[in-house]
Amino acid sequence: MRTVAALSVAGAVPAVLGAVIYWALTGGSITHAIASGFWFAAAILFFGMFVATSKTLWSRTAIAVPEGWMFLSAAVVLTVLGAAIDVA
């Protein structure tokens, strides 16, 4: 679970920073901008699941790569947080 939390934070921090920059440039609702940033980060983590499950990556690296379900779980966390922020 620690890896899922780390991946969620690794996706949430740039999502919030990017959303604040986007909001500062375009205006509008800050909550919607942050929610959209979370959804964008979730999409990137979802793509990371496919990269992490690649046998080519596992055979070429000696480092511990998180498993695909960890990326998927972090993407679900960010999606749910984005939806909760957008509704609020």
PDB file of N, CA and C in Angstrom:
ATOM      1  N   MET A   1       0.820  -1.197   0.000  1.00  0.00           N
ATOM      2  CA  MET A   1       0.000   0.000   0.000  1.00  0.00           C
ATOM      3  C   MET A   1       0.862   1.258   0.000  1.00  0.00           C
ATOM      4  N   ARG A   2       2.072   1.145   0.511  1.00  0.00           N
ATOM      5  CA  ARG A   2       2.956   2.307   0.542  1.00  0.00           C
ATOM      6  C   ARG A   2       3.293   2.767  -0.874  1.00  0.00           C
ATOM      7  N   THR A   3       3.462   1.820  -1.778  1.00  0.00           N
ATOM      8  CA  THR A   3       3.779   2.168  -3.162  1.00  0.00           C
ATOM      9  C   THR A   3       2.593   2.857  -3.826  1.00  0.00           C
ATOM     10  N   VAL A   4       1.392   2.387  -3.548  1.00  0.00           N
ATOM     11  CA  VAL A   4       0.191   3.024  -4.107  1.00  0.00           C
ATOM     12  C   VAL A   4       0.075   4.458  -3.610  1.00  0.00           C
ATOM     13  N   ALA A   5       0.330   4.655  -2.323  1.00  0.00           N
ATOM     14  CA  ALA A   5       0.289   6.014  -1.767  1.00  0.00           C
ATOM     15  C   ALA A   5       1.363   6.890  -2.396  1.00  0.00           C
ATOM     16  N   ALA A   6       2.558   6.341  -2.587  1.00  0.00           N
ATOM     17  CA  ALA A   6       3.640   7.116  -3.194  1.00  0.00           C
ATOM     18  C   ALA A   6       3.313   7.477  -4.637  1.00  0.00           C
ATOM     19  N   LEU A   7       2.746   6.537  -5.383  1.00  0.00           N
ATOM     20  CA  LEU A   7       2.356   6.831  -6.764  1.00  0.00           C
ATOM     21  C   LEU A   7       1.227   7.858  -6.814  1.00  0.00           C
ATOM     22  N   SER A   8       0.303   7.778  -5.865  1.00  0.00           N
ATOM     23  CA  SER A   8      -0.793   8.752  -5.817  1.00  0.00           C
ATOM     24  C   SER A   8      -0.266  10.153  -5.536  1.00  0.00           C
ATOM     25  N   VAL A   9       0.645  10.253  -4.584  1.00  0.00           N
ATOM     26  CA  VAL A   9       1.231  11.562  -4.271  1.00  0.00           C
ATOM     27  C   VAL A   9       2.076  12.059  -5.446  1.00  0.00           C
ATOM     28  N   ALA A  10       2.815  11.137  -6.069  1.00  0.00           N
ATOM     29  CA  ALA A  10       3.635  11.516  -7.222  1.00  0.00           C
ATOM     30  C   ALA A  10       2.778  12.009  -8.382  1.00  0.00           C
ATOM     31  N   GLY A  11       1.553  11.562  -8.464  1.00  0.00           N
ATOM     32  CA  GLY A  11       0.642  12.064  -9.487  1.00  0.00           C
ATOM     33  C   GLY A  11      -0.110  13.306  -9.047  1.00  0.00           C
ATOM     34  N   ALA A  12      -0.417  13.394  -7.755  1.00  0.00           N
ATOM     35  CA  ALA A  12      -1.232  14.508  -7.254  1.00  0.00           C
ATOM     36  C   ALA A  12      -0.459  15.823  -7.201  1.00  0.00           C
ATOM     37  N   VAL A  13       0.801  15.776  -6.822  1.00  0.00           N
ATOM     38  CA  VAL A  13       1.571  17.015  -6.682  1.00  0.00           C
ATOM     39  C   VAL A  13       1.703  17.748  -8.019  1.00  0.00           C
ATOM     40  N   PRO A  14       2.177  17.082  -9.089  1.00  0.00           N
ATOM     41  CA  PRO A  14       2.237  17.807 -10.364  1.00  0.00           C
ATOM     42  C   PRO A  14       0.847  18.175 -10.899  1.00  0.00           C
ATOM     43  N   ALA A  15      -0.159  17.370 -10.564  1.00  0.00           N
ATOM     44  CA  ALA A  15      -1.519  17.683 -11.011  1.00  0.00           C
ATOM     45  C   ALA A  15      -2.003  18.987 -10.402  1.00  0.00           C
ATOM     46  N   VAL A  16      -1.777  19.163  -9.117  1.00  0.00           N
ATOM     47  CA  VAL A  16      -2.207  20.401  -8.444  1.00  0.00           C
ATOM     48  C   VAL A  16      -1.388  21.589  -8.945  1.00  0.00           C
ATOM     49  N   LEU A  17      -0.080  21.416  -9.064  1.00  0.00           N
ATOM     50  CA  LEU A  17       0.755  22.516  -9.556  1.00  0.00           C
ATOM     51  C   LEU A  17       0.366  22.918 -10.978  1.00  0.00           C
ATOM     52  N   GLY A  18       0.177  21.935 -11.835  1.00  0.00           N
ATOM     53  CA  GLY A  18      -0.251  22.235 -13.206  1.00  0.00           C
ATOM     54  C   GLY A  18      -1.621  22.880 -13.251  1.00  0.00           C
ATOM     55  N   ALA A  19      -2.514  22.439 -12.383  1.00  0.00           N
ATOM     56  CA  ALA A  19      -3.860  23.009 -12.344  1.00  0.00           C
ATOM     57  C   ALA A  19      -3.840  24.459 -11.880  1.00  0.00           C
ATOM     58  N   VAL A  20      -3.000  24.754 -10.909  1.00  0.00           N
ATOM     59  CA  VAL A  20      -2.904  26.133 -10.424  1.00  0.00           C
ATOM     60  C   VAL A  20      -2.337  27.044 -11.515  1.00  0.00           C
ATOM     61  N   ILE A  21      -1.344  26.562 -12.227  1.00  0.00           N
ATOM     62  CA  ILE A  21      -0.791  27.352 -13.336  1.00  0.00           C
ATOM     63  C   ILE A  21      -1.842  27.546 -14.420  1.00  0.00           C
ATOM     64  N   TYR A  22      -2.561  26.482 -14.772  1.00  0.00           N
ATOM     65  CA  TYR A  22      -3.617  26.587 -15.777  1.00  0.00           C
ATOM     66  C   TYR A  22      -4.698  27.563 -15.334  1.00  0.00           C
ATOM     67  N   TRP A  23      -5.103  27.477 -14.077  1.00  0.00           N
ATOM     68  CA  TRP A  23      -6.128  28.369 -13.542  1.00  0.00           C
ATOM     69  C   TRP A  23      -5.652  29.816 -13.563  1.00  0.00           C
ATOM     70  N   ALA A  24      -4.370  30.043 -13.227  1.00  0.00           N
ATOM     71  CA  ALA A  24      -3.830  31.407 -13.218  1.00  0.00           C
ATOM     72  C   ALA A  24      -3.802  32.000 -14.622  1.00  0.00           C
ATOM     73  N   LEU A  25      -3.584  31.164 -15.616  1.00  0.00           N
ATOM     74  CA  LEU A  25      -3.513  31.653 -16.996  1.00  0.00           C
ATOM     75  C   LEU A  25      -4.883  31.850 -17.627  1.00  0.00           C
ATOM     76  N   THR A  26      -5.830  30.984 -17.304  1.00  0.00           N
ATOM     77  CA  THR A  26      -7.116  31.023 -17.993  1.00  0.00           C
ATOM     78  C   THR A  26      -8.273  31.506 -17.140  1.00  0.00           C
ATOM     79  N   GLY A  27      -8.131  31.422 -15.825  1.00  0.00           N
ATOM     80  CA  GLY A  27      -9.245  31.787 -14.951  1.00  0.00           C
ATOM     81  C   GLY A  27     -10.223  30.637 -14.814  1.00  0.00           C
ATOM     82  N   GLY A  28     -11.413  30.919 -14.410  1.00  0.00           N
ATOM     83  CA  GLY A  28     -12.419  29.873 -14.231  1.00  0.00           C
ATOM     84  C   GLY A  28     -12.391  29.319 -12.822  1.00  0.00           C
ATOM     85  N   SER A  29     -12.886  28.121 -12.679  1.00  0.00           N
ATOM     86  CA  SER A  29     -13.015  27.478 -11.377  1.00  0.00           C
ATOM     87  C   SER A  29     -11.729  26.745 -11.013  1.00  0.00           C
ATOM     88  N   ILE A  30     -11.168  27.063  -9.857  1.00  0.00           N
ATOM     89  CA  ILE A  30      -9.951  26.392  -9.405  1.00  0.00           C
ATOM     90  C   ILE A  30     -10.218  24.922  -9.084  1.00  0.00           C
ATOM     91  N   THR A  31     -11.409  24.631  -8.549  1.00  0.00           N
ATOM     92  CA  THR A  31     -11.708  23.240  -8.202  1.00  0.00           C
ATOM     93  C   THR A  31     -11.810  22.374  -9.456  1.00  0.00           C
ATOM     94  N   HIS A  32     -12.390  22.920 -10.506  1.00  0.00           N
ATOM     95  CA  HIS A  32     -12.481  22.156 -11.751  1.00  0.00           C
ATOM     96  C   HIS A  32     -11.096  21.965 -12.377  1.00  0.00           C
ATOM     97  N   ALA A  33     -10.252  22.976 -12.272  1.00  0.00           N
ATOM     98  CA  ALA A  33      -8.893  22.857 -12.801  1.00  0.00           C
ATOM     99  C   ALA A  33      -8.113  21.784 -12.052  1.00  0.00           C
ATOM    100  N   ILE A  34      -8.243  21.745 -10.721  1.00  0.00           N
ATOM    101  CA  ILE A  34      -7.543  20.730  -9.931  1.00  0.00           C
ATOM    102  C   ILE A  34      -8.099  19.339 -10.228  1.00  0.00           C
ATOM    103  N   ALA A  35      -9.408  19.234 -10.345  1.00  0.00           N
ATOM    104  CA  ALA A  35     -10.014  17.936 -10.674  1.00  0.00           C
ATOM    105  C   ALA A  35      -9.528  17.449 -12.034  1.00  0.00           C
ATOM    106  N   SER A  36      -9.463  18.343 -12.999  1.00  0.00           N
ATOM    107  CA  SER A  36      -8.965  17.967 -14.328  1.00  0.00           C
ATOM    108  C   SER A  36      -7.502  17.550 -14.263  1.00  0.00           C
ATOM    109  N   GLY A  37      -6.712  18.222 -13.432  1.00  0.00           N
ATOM    110  CA  GLY A  37      -5.320  17.825 -13.247  1.00  0.00           C
ATOM    111  C   GLY A  37      -5.206  16.433 -12.662  1.00  0.00           C
ATOM    112  N   PHE A  38      -6.066  16.120 -11.703  1.00  0.00           N
ATOM    113  CA  PHE A  38      -6.069  14.772 -11.127  1.00  0.00           C
ATOM    114  C   PHE A  38      -6.438  13.730 -12.174  1.00  0.00           C
ATOM    115  N   TRP A  39      -7.411  14.049 -13.012  1.00  0.00           N
ATOM    116  CA  TRP A  39      -7.820  13.091 -14.044  1.00  0.00           C
ATOM    117  C   TRP A  39      -6.724  12.891 -15.085  1.00  0.00           C
ATOM    118  N   PHE A  40      -6.020  13.958 -15.421  1.00  0.00           N
ATOM    119  CA  PHE A  40      -4.901  13.847 -16.357  1.00  0.00           C
ATOM    120  C   PHE A  40      -3.798  12.989 -15.747  1.00  0.00           C
ATOM    121  N   ALA A  41      -3.486  13.208 -14.471  1.00  0.00           N
ATOM    122  CA  ALA A  41      -2.476  12.402 -13.785  1.00  0.00           C
ATOM    123  C   ALA A  41      -2.906  10.942 -13.697  1.00  0.00           C
ATOM    124  N   ALA A  42      -4.195  10.703 -13.488  1.00  0.00           N
ATOM    125  CA  ALA A  42      -4.705   9.330 -13.439  1.00  0.00           C
ATOM    126  C   ALA A  42      -4.525   8.638 -14.789  1.00  0.00           C
ATOM    127  N   ALA A  43      -4.746   9.373 -15.870  1.00  0.00           N
ATOM    128  CA  ALA A  43      -4.553   8.799 -17.206  1.00  0.00           C
ATOM    129  C   ALA A  43      -3.088   8.433 -17.432  1.00  0.00           C
ATOM    130  N   ILE A  44      -2.177   9.266 -16.954  1.00  0.00           N
ATOM    131  CA  ILE A  44      -0.752   8.960 -17.104  1.00  0.00           C
ATOM    132  C   ILE A  44      -0.386   7.731 -16.275  1.00  0.00           C
ATOM    133  N   LEU A  45      -0.917   7.623 -15.065  1.00  0.00           N
ATOM    134  CA  LEU A  45      -0.656   6.443 -14.245  1.00  0.00           C
ATOM    135  C   LEU A  45      -1.268   5.186 -14.872  1.00  0.00           C
ATOM    136  N   PHE A  46      -2.426   5.340 -15.496  1.00  0.00           N
ATOM    137  CA  PHE A  46      -3.040   4.201 -16.180  1.00  0.00           C
ATOM    138  C   PHE A  46      -2.142   3.729 -17.316  1.00  0.00           C
ATOM    139  N   PHE A  47      -1.557   4.676 -18.044  1.00  0.00           N
ATOM    140  CA  PHE A  47      -0.603   4.316 -19.093  1.00  0.00           C
ATOM    141  C   PHE A  47       0.631   3.661 -18.482  1.00  0.00           C
ATOM    142  N   GLY A  48       1.054   4.133 -17.303  1.00  0.00           N
ATOM    143  CA  GLY A  48       2.195   3.537 -16.615  1.00  0.00           C
ATOM    144  C   GLY A  48       1.973   2.080 -16.277  1.00  0.00           C
ATOM    145  N   MET A  49       0.708   1.699 -16.079  1.00  0.00           N
ATOM    146  CA  MET A  49       0.395   0.303 -15.801  1.00  0.00           C
ATOM    147  C   MET A  49       0.814  -0.568 -16.991  1.00  0.00           C
ATOM    148  N   PHE A  50       0.548  -0.117 -18.195  1.00  0.00           N
ATOM    149  CA  PHE A  50       0.921  -0.898 -19.376  1.00  0.00           C
ATOM    150  C   PHE A  50       2.435  -0.971 -19.537  1.00  0.00           C
ATOM    151  N   VAL A  51       3.113   0.112 -19.224  1.00  0.00           N
ATOM    152  CA  VAL A  51       4.575   0.113 -19.309  1.00  0.00           C
ATOM    153  C   VAL A  51       5.163  -0.814 -18.255  1.00  0.00           C
ATOM    154  N   ALA A  52       4.620  -0.774 -17.046  1.00  0.00           N
ATOM    155  CA  ALA A  52       5.149  -1.597 -15.954  1.00  0.00           C
ATOM    156  C   ALA A  52       4.922  -3.084 -16.188  1.00  0.00           C
ATOM    157  N   THR A  53       3.904  -3.436 -16.917  1.00  0.00           N
ATOM    158  CA  THR A  53       3.626  -4.852 -17.159  1.00  0.00           C
ATOM    159  C   THR A  53       4.342  -5.374 -18.408  1.00  0.00           C
ATOM    160  N   SER A  54       5.127  -4.546 -19.047  1.00  0.00           N
ATOM    161  CA  SER A  54       5.866  -4.962 -20.228  1.00  0.00           C
ATOM    162  C   SER A  54       7.008  -5.903 -19.842  1.00  0.00           C
ATOM    163  N   LYS A  55       7.073  -7.033 -20.477  1.00  0.00           N
ATOM    164  CA  LYS A  55       8.132  -7.988 -20.183  1.00  0.00           C
ATOM    165  C   LYS A  55       9.494  -7.444 -20.607  1.00  0.00           C
ATOM    166  N   THR A  56       9.508  -6.579 -21.604  1.00  0.00           N
ATOM    167  CA  THR A  56      10.763  -5.982 -22.042  1.00  0.00           C
ATOM    168  C   THR A  56      11.366  -5.130 -20.935  1.00  0.00           C
ATOM    169  N   LEU A  57      10.549  -4.367 -20.253  1.00  0.00           N
ATOM    170  CA  LEU A  57      11.034  -3.524 -19.165  1.00  0.00           C
ATOM    171  C   LEU A  57      11.589  -4.377 -18.029  1.00  0.00           C
ATOM    172  N   TRP A  58      10.882  -5.433 -17.684  1.00  0.00           N
ATOM    173  CA  TRP A  58      11.321  -6.282 -16.576  1.00  0.00           C
ATOM    174  C   TRP A  58      12.639  -6.980 -16.900  1.00  0.00           C
ATOM    175  N   SER A  59      12.830  -7.366 -18.137  1.00  0.00           N
ATOM    176  CA  SER A  59      14.051  -8.092 -18.494  1.00  0.00           C
ATOM    177  C   SER A  59      15.252  -7.173 -18.646  1.00  0.00           C
ATOM    178  N   ARG A  60      15.043  -5.885 -18.881  1.00  0.00           N
ATOM    179  CA  ARG A  60      16.151  -4.958 -19.115  1.00  0.00           C
ATOM    180  C   ARG A  60      16.560  -4.150 -17.890  1.00  0.00           C
ATOM    181  N   THR A  61      15.831  -4.232 -16.810  1.00  0.00           N
ATOM    182  CA  THR A  61      16.161  -3.418 -15.650  1.00  0.00           C
ATOM    183  C   THR A  61      16.383  -4.280 -14.420  1.00  0.00           C
ATOM    184  N   ALA A  62      17.261  -3.802 -13.559  1.00  0.00           N
ATOM    185  CA  ALA A  62      17.518  -4.513 -12.308  1.00  0.00           C
ATOM    186  C   ALA A  62      16.806  -3.831 -11.138  1.00  0.00           C
ATOM    187  N   ILE A  63      16.205  -2.654 -11.386  1.00  0.00           N
ATOM    188  CA  ILE A  63      15.510  -1.953 -10.303  1.00  0.00           C
ATOM    189  C   ILE A  63      14.124  -2.544 -10.104  1.00  0.00           C
ATOM    190  N   ALA A  64      13.581  -2.323  -8.945  1.00  0.00           N
ATOM    191  CA  ALA A  64      12.243  -2.825  -8.638  1.00  0.00           C
ATOM    192  C   ALA A  64      11.200  -1.882  -9.245  1.00  0.00           C
ATOM    193  N   VAL A  65      10.481  -2.362 -10.223  1.00  0.00           N
ATOM    194  CA  VAL A  65       9.429  -1.585 -10.872  1.00  0.00           C
ATOM    195  C   VAL A  65       8.104  -1.955 -10.216  1.00  0.00           C
ATOM    196  N   PRO A  66       7.297  -0.955  -9.825  1.00  0.00           N
ATOM    197  CA  PRO A  66       5.996  -1.288  -9.228  1.00  0.00           C
ATOM    198  C   PRO A  66       5.154  -2.126 -10.190  1.00  0.00           C
ATOM    199  N   GLU A  67       4.356  -2.997  -9.625  1.00  0.00           N
ATOM    200  CA  GLU A  67       3.496  -3.860 -10.436  1.00  0.00           C
ATOM    201  C   GLU A  67       2.342  -3.062 -11.016  1.00  0.00           C
ATOM    202  N   GLY A  68       1.729  -3.617 -12.048  1.00  0.00           N
ATOM    203  CA  GLY A  68       0.658  -2.930 -12.756  1.00  0.00           C
ATOM    204  C   GLY A  68      -0.527  -2.567 -11.881  1.00  0.00           C
ATOM    205  N   TRP A  69      -0.896  -3.448 -10.944  1.00  0.00           N
ATOM    206  CA  TRP A  69      -2.064  -3.167 -10.109  1.00  0.00           C
ATOM    207  C   TRP A  69      -1.825  -1.955  -9.221  1.00  0.00           C
ATOM    208  N   MET A  70      -0.564  -1.677  -8.893  1.00  0.00           N
ATOM    209  CA  MET A  70      -0.267  -0.509  -8.071  1.00  0.00           C
ATOM    210  C   MET A  70      -0.531   0.786  -8.836  1.00  0.00           C
ATOM    211  N   PHE A  71      -0.154   0.801 -10.117  1.00  0.00           N
ATOM    212  CA  PHE A  71      -0.443   1.958 -10.956  1.00  0.00           C
ATOM    213  C   PHE A  71      -1.949   2.135 -11.123  1.00  0.00           C
ATOM    214  N   LEU A  72      -2.650   1.023 -11.345  1.00  0.00           N
ATOM    215  CA  LEU A  72      -4.098   1.085 -11.515  1.00  0.00           C
ATOM    216  C   LEU A  72      -4.786   1.583 -10.249  1.00  0.00           C
ATOM    217  N   SER A  73      -4.346   1.107  -9.089  1.00  0.00           N
ATOM    218  CA  SER A  73      -4.931   1.555  -7.830  1.00  0.00           C
ATOM    219  C   SER A  73      -4.706   3.043  -7.606  1.00  0.00           C
ATOM    220  N   ALA A  74      -3.503   3.524  -7.907  1.00  0.00           N
ATOM    221  CA  ALA A  74      -3.215   4.953  -7.760  1.00  0.00           C
ATOM    222  C   ALA A  74      -4.056   5.774  -8.735  1.00  0.00           C
ATOM    223  N   ALA A  75      -4.274   5.261  -9.946  1.00  0.00           N
ATOM    224  CA  ALA A  75      -5.110   5.959 -10.918  1.00  0.00           C
ATOM    225  C   ALA A  75      -6.556   6.040 -10.430  1.00  0.00           C
ATOM    226  N   VAL A  76      -7.044   4.981  -9.814  1.00  0.00           N
ATOM    227  CA  VAL A  76      -8.402   4.996  -9.264  1.00  0.00           C
ATOM    228  C   VAL A  76      -8.500   6.008  -8.125  1.00  0.00           C
ATOM    229  N   VAL A  77      -7.489   6.050  -7.263  1.00  0.00           N
ATOM    230  CA  VAL A  77      -7.479   7.020  -6.161  1.00  0.00           C
ATOM    231  C   VAL A  77      -7.558   8.439  -6.704  1.00  0.00           C
ATOM    232  N   LEU A  78      -6.733   8.755  -7.707  1.00  0.00           N
ATOM    233  CA  LEU A  78      -6.744  10.103  -8.280  1.00  0.00           C
ATOM    234  C   LEU A  78      -8.058  10.418  -8.986  1.00  0.00           C
ATOM    235  N   THR A  79      -8.651   9.436  -9.642  1.00  0.00           N
ATOM    236  CA  THR A  79      -9.933   9.653 -10.308  1.00  0.00           C
ATOM    237  C   THR A  79     -11.024   9.962  -9.291  1.00  0.00           C
ATOM    238  N   VAL A  80     -11.071   9.201  -8.213  1.00  0.00           N
ATOM    239  CA  VAL A  80     -12.075   9.424  -7.176  1.00  0.00           C
ATOM    240  C   VAL A  80     -11.867  10.782  -6.503  1.00  0.00           C
ATOM    241  N   LEU A  81     -10.615  11.120  -6.203  1.00  0.00           N
ATOM    242  CA  LEU A  81     -10.335  12.439  -5.613  1.00  0.00           C
ATOM    243  C   LEU A  81     -10.722  13.566  -6.569  1.00  0.00           C
ATOM    244  N   GLY A  82     -10.441  13.396  -7.842  1.00  0.00           N
ATOM    245  CA  GLY A  82     -10.825  14.408  -8.823  1.00  0.00           C
ATOM    246  C   GLY A  82     -12.336  14.591  -8.897  1.00  0.00           C
ATOM    247  N   ALA A  83     -13.060  13.483  -8.853  1.00  0.00           N
ATOM    248  CA  ALA A  83     -14.517  13.570  -8.883  1.00  0.00           C
ATOM    249  C   ALA A  83     -15.056  14.241  -7.621  1.00  0.00           C
ATOM    250  N   ALA A  84     -14.467  13.897  -6.474  1.00  0.00           N
ATOM    251  CA  ALA A  84     -14.926  14.511  -5.219  1.00  0.00           C
ATOM    252  C   ALA A  84     -14.630  16.002  -5.199  1.00  0.00           C
ATOM    253  N   ILE A  85     -13.488  16.405  -5.712  1.00  0.00           N
ATOM    254  CA  ILE A  85     -13.140  17.833  -5.760  1.00  0.00           C
ATOM    255  C   ILE A  85     -14.035  18.569  -6.739  1.00  0.00           C
ATOM    256  N   ASP A  86     -14.326  17.958  -7.872  1.00  0.00           N
ATOM    257  CA  ASP A  86     -15.162  18.629  -8.879  1.00  0.00           C
ATOM    258  C   ASP A  86     -16.592  18.810  -8.396  1.00  0.00           C
ATOM    259  N   VAL A  87     -17.099  17.871  -7.621  1.00  0.00           N
ATOM    260  CA  VAL A  87     -18.468  17.957  -7.108  1.00  0.00           C
ATOM    261  C   VAL A  87     -18.564  19.004  -6.010  1.00  0.00           C
ATOM    262  N   ALA A  88     -17.501  19.140  -5.231  1.00  0.00           N
ATOM    263  CA  ALA A  88     -17.520  20.083  -4.082  1.00  0.00           C
ATOM    264  C   ALA A  88     -17.619  21.527  -4.512  1.00  0.00           C
TER     265      ALA A  88
END
